[in-house]
Amino acid sequence: MRLVEFLTEENNTQLARHYTDVLNTRYRPEGIPLKITTHLVDQINNTRNSPPINLGEIVDFFSKLLLKKKKILQELPDGSSLQVVDLESDIHIPFIKSQGILVAATIMRGEMRRSAQRKVAI
């Protein structure tokens, strides 16, 4: 691994932790602890996302998700998965509930090849 790749990877790990902390200030009081993976942060700038996903769209996605689907998130059983689709931006984020934490695994604009057990639109 080249130094530039390592620095980028380390930066994305820090960003994932930061996004997790920021989102948890809003989600944890609702009983929905959340985790953003480094893989999700890596995929935000993937060239397949056309147009590129911007931070405003991500903020909007998570705001709408909590507003519209809070009960579904609260009741999701451990070991279950759920793919959330923002119909306005066409952003898809699959979530996995593991040990009581809702994990946002990746992000993509457009249809994902592998789908979760259940899809929910916001």
C-alpha atoms as a PDB file:
ATOM      1  CA  MET A   1       0.000   0.000   0.000  1.00  0.00           C
ATOM      2  CA  ARG A   2       1.299   3.405  -0.951  1.00  0.00           C
ATOM      3  CA  LEU A   3       1.520   6.200   1.606  1.00  0.00           C
ATOM      4  CA  VAL A   4      -1.098   8.280  -0.250  1.00  0.00           C
ATOM      5  CA  GLU A   5      -3.565   5.349  -0.081  1.00  0.00           C
ATOM      6  CA  PHE A   6      -2.848   4.894   3.622  1.00  0.00           C
ATOM      7  CA  LEU A   7      -3.432   8.565   4.393  1.00  0.00           C
ATOM      8  CA  THR A   8      -6.699   8.554   2.469  1.00  0.00           C
ATOM      9  CA  GLU A   9      -7.823   5.370   4.231  1.00  0.00           C
ATOM     10  CA  GLU A  10      -6.948   6.833   7.639  1.00  0.00           C
ATOM     11  CA  ASN A  11      -8.774  10.075   6.805  1.00  0.00           C
ATOM     12  CA  ASN A  12     -11.894   8.128   5.775  1.00  0.00           C
ATOM     13  CA  THR A  13     -11.809   6.198   9.059  1.00  0.00           C
ATOM     14  CA  GLN A  14     -11.752   9.491  10.951  1.00  0.00           C
ATOM     15  CA  LEU A  15     -14.594  10.828   8.786  1.00  0.00           C
ATOM     16  CA  ALA A  16     -16.672   7.703   9.439  1.00  0.00           C
ATOM     17  CA  ARG A  17     -16.185   8.179  13.198  1.00  0.00           C
ATOM     18  CA  HIS A  18     -17.069  11.871  12.915  1.00  0.00           C
ATOM     19  CA  TYR A  19     -20.250  11.185  10.883  1.00  0.00           C
ATOM     20  CA  THR A  20     -21.224   8.472  13.384  1.00  0.00           C
ATOM     21  CA  ASP A  21     -20.777  10.872  16.303  1.00  0.00           C
ATOM     22  CA  VAL A  22     -22.749  13.655  14.596  1.00  0.00           C
ATOM     23  CA  LEU A  23     -25.639  11.384  13.604  1.00  0.00           C
ATOM     24  CA  ASN A  24     -25.808   9.799  17.034  1.00  0.00           C
ATOM     25  CA  THR A  25     -26.502  13.169  18.653  1.00  0.00           C
ATOM     26  CA  ARG A  26     -29.833  12.990  16.798  1.00  0.00           C
ATOM     27  CA  TYR A  27     -30.495   9.229  16.524  1.00  0.00           C
ATOM     28  CA  ARG A  28     -29.360   7.863  19.910  1.00  0.00           C
ATOM     29  CA  PRO A  29     -31.973   9.839  21.939  1.00  0.00           C
ATOM     30  CA  GLU A  30     -34.604   8.164  19.731  1.00  0.00           C
ATOM     31  CA  GLY A  31     -33.262   4.741  20.755  1.00  0.00           C
ATOM     32  CA  ILE A  32     -31.477   4.152  17.451  1.00  0.00           C
ATOM     33  CA  PRO A  33     -27.705   3.977  17.882  1.00  0.00           C
ATOM     34  CA  LEU A  34     -26.119   4.348  14.453  1.00  0.00           C
ATOM     35  CA  LYS A  35     -22.752   3.561  12.917  1.00  0.00           C
ATOM     36  CA  ILE A  36     -21.313   4.786   9.606  1.00  0.00           C
ATOM     37  CA  THR A  37     -18.753   2.435   8.068  1.00  0.00           C
ATOM     38  CA  THR A  38     -15.495   3.467   6.460  1.00  0.00           C
ATOM     39  CA  HIS A  39     -16.730   1.658   3.343  1.00  0.00           C
ATOM     40  CA  LEU A  40     -19.689   4.042   3.118  1.00  0.00           C
ATOM     41  CA  VAL A  41     -17.354   7.037   3.307  1.00  0.00           C
ATOM     42  CA  ASP A  42     -15.122   5.441   0.632  1.00  0.00           C
ATOM     43  CA  GLN A  43     -18.106   4.970  -1.690  1.00  0.00           C
ATOM     44  CA  ILE A  44     -19.410   8.541  -1.501  1.00  0.00           C
ATOM     45  CA  ASN A  45     -16.865   9.632  -4.123  1.00  0.00           C
ATOM     46  CA  ASN A  46     -17.124   6.509  -6.278  1.00  0.00           C
ATOM     47  CA  THR A  47     -17.309   7.431  -9.972  1.00  0.00           C
ATOM     48  CA  ARG A  48     -20.390   5.223 -10.477  1.00  0.00           C
ATOM     49  CA  ASN A  49     -22.396   7.817  -8.511  1.00  0.00           C
ATOM     50  CA  SER A  50     -23.413  10.219 -11.206  1.00  0.00           C
ATOM     51  CA  PRO A  51     -23.953  12.979 -10.335  1.00  0.00           C
ATOM     52  CA  PRO A  52     -21.598  12.743  -7.346  1.00  0.00           C
ATOM     53  CA  ILE A  53     -23.216  12.441  -3.913  1.00  0.00           C
ATOM     54  CA  ASN A  54     -22.778  15.595  -1.872  1.00  0.00           C
ATOM     55  CA  LEU A  55     -22.874  16.165   1.879  1.00  0.00           C
ATOM     56  CA  GLY A  56     -26.184  18.043   1.677  1.00  0.00           C
ATOM     57  CA  GLU A  57     -27.872  14.996   0.139  1.00  0.00           C
ATOM     58  CA  ILE A  58     -26.517  12.780   2.910  1.00  0.00           C
ATOM     59  CA  VAL A  59     -27.749  15.166   5.605  1.00  0.00           C
ATOM     60  CA  ASP A  60     -31.156  15.318   3.900  1.00  0.00           C
ATOM     61  CA  PHE A  61     -31.267  11.497   3.625  1.00  0.00           C
ATOM     62  CA  PHE A  62     -30.641  10.923   7.332  1.00  0.00           C
ATOM     63  CA  SER A  63     -33.040  13.728   8.354  1.00  0.00           C
ATOM     64  CA  LYS A  64     -35.860  12.271   6.239  1.00  0.00           C
ATOM     65  CA  LEU A  65     -35.073   8.759   7.443  1.00  0.00           C
ATOM     66  CA  LEU A  66     -35.484   9.690  11.093  1.00  0.00           C
ATOM     67  CA  LEU A  67     -38.560  11.820  10.427  1.00  0.00           C
ATOM     68  CA  LYS A  68     -40.407   9.301   8.239  1.00  0.00           C
ATOM     69  CA  LYS A  69     -39.204   5.848   9.335  1.00  0.00           C
ATOM     70  CA  LYS A  70     -38.253   6.164  13.019  1.00  0.00           C
ATOM     71  CA  LYS A  71     -40.653   3.417  14.147  1.00  0.00           C
ATOM     72  CA  ILE A  72     -39.358   0.924  11.554  1.00  0.00           C
ATOM     73  CA  LEU A  73     -35.776   1.626  12.623  1.00  0.00           C
ATOM     74  CA  GLN A  74     -36.629   1.265  16.310  1.00  0.00           C
ATOM     75  CA  GLU A  75     -38.398  -2.065  15.758  1.00  0.00           C
ATOM     76  CA  LEU A  76     -35.885  -3.622  13.353  1.00  0.00           C
ATOM     77  CA  PRO A  77     -34.748  -6.912  14.934  1.00  0.00           C
ATOM     78  CA  ASP A  78     -31.079  -7.699  15.483  1.00  0.00           C
ATOM     79  CA  GLY A  79     -29.563  -9.517  12.511  1.00  0.00           C
ATOM     80  CA  SER A  80     -32.014  -7.937  10.054  1.00  0.00           C
ATOM     81  CA  SER A  81     -31.187  -5.775   7.090  1.00  0.00           C
ATOM     82  CA  LEU A  82     -33.036  -2.972   5.413  1.00  0.00           C
ATOM     83  CA  GLN A  83     -32.313  -0.981   2.265  1.00  0.00           C
ATOM     84  CA  VAL A  84     -33.491   2.622   2.384  1.00  0.00           C
ATOM     85  CA  VAL A  85     -34.064   4.458  -0.881  1.00  0.00           C
ATOM     86  CA  ASP A  86     -34.459   8.219  -1.137  1.00  0.00           C
ATOM     87  CA  LEU A  87     -36.835   8.611  -4.075  1.00  0.00           C
ATOM     88  CA  GLU A  88     -35.874  12.253  -4.577  1.00  0.00           C
ATOM     89  CA  SER A  89     -32.079  11.817  -4.825  1.00  0.00           C
ATOM     90  CA  ASP A  90     -32.039   8.101  -5.841  1.00  0.00           C
ATOM     91  CA  ILE A  91     -29.571   7.388  -3.019  1.00  0.00           C
ATOM     92  CA  HIS A  92     -29.631   3.857  -1.612  1.00  0.00           C
ATOM     93  CA  ILE A  93     -28.145   2.920   1.760  1.00  0.00           C
ATOM     94  CA  PRO A  94     -28.402  -0.626   3.119  1.00  0.00           C
ATOM     95  CA  PHE A  95     -28.531  -0.945   6.899  1.00  0.00           C
ATOM     96  CA  ILE A  96     -27.784  -3.962   9.062  1.00  0.00           C
ATOM     97  CA  LYS A  97     -28.845  -4.176  12.706  1.00  0.00           C
ATOM     98  CA  SER A  98     -26.050  -5.766  14.703  1.00  0.00           C
ATOM     99  CA  GLN A  99     -25.833  -5.908  18.492  1.00  0.00           C
ATOM    100  CA  GLY A 100     -28.481  -3.214  18.791  1.00  0.00           C
ATOM    101  CA  ILE A 101     -26.645  -0.801  16.469  1.00  0.00           C
ATOM    102  CA  LEU A 102     -27.964   0.218  13.062  1.00  0.00           C
ATOM    103  CA  VAL A 103     -24.978   0.034  10.703  1.00  0.00           C
ATOM    104  CA  ALA A 104     -25.027   2.019   7.443  1.00  0.00           C
ATOM    105  CA  ALA A 105     -22.950  -0.303   5.269  1.00  0.00           C
ATOM    106  CA  THR A 106     -22.478   1.536   1.968  1.00  0.00           C
ATOM    107  CA  ILE A 107     -24.029   4.178  -0.267  1.00  0.00           C
ATOM    108  CA  MET A 108     -24.871   4.339  -3.942  1.00  0.00           C
ATOM    109  CA  ARG A 109     -26.853   6.469  -6.333  1.00  0.00           C
ATOM    110  CA  GLY A 110     -29.060   4.191  -8.407  1.00  0.00           C
ATOM    111  CA  GLU A 111     -30.168   0.589  -8.001  1.00  0.00           C
ATOM    112  CA  MET A 112     -27.958  -1.717  -5.952  1.00  0.00           C
ATOM    113  CA  ARG A 113     -27.249  -5.172  -7.361  1.00  0.00           C
ATOM    114  CA  ARG A 114     -27.576  -6.940  -4.039  1.00  0.00           C
ATOM    115  CA  SER A 115     -30.589  -5.981  -2.069  1.00  0.00           C
ATOM    116  CA  ALA A 116     -31.401  -6.278   1.597  1.00  0.00           C
ATOM    117  CA  GLN A 117     -34.236  -8.381   2.933  1.00  0.00           C
ATOM    118  CA  ARG A 118     -36.561  -5.391   2.769  1.00  0.00           C
ATOM    119  CA  LYS A 119     -36.678  -2.046   0.942  1.00  0.00           C
ATOM    120  CA  VAL A 120     -38.139   1.138   2.352  1.00  0.00           C
ATOM    121  CA  ALA A 121     -38.614   4.403   0.464  1.00  0.00           C
ATOM    122  CA  ILE A 122     -38.286   7.853   1.986  1.00  0.00           C
END
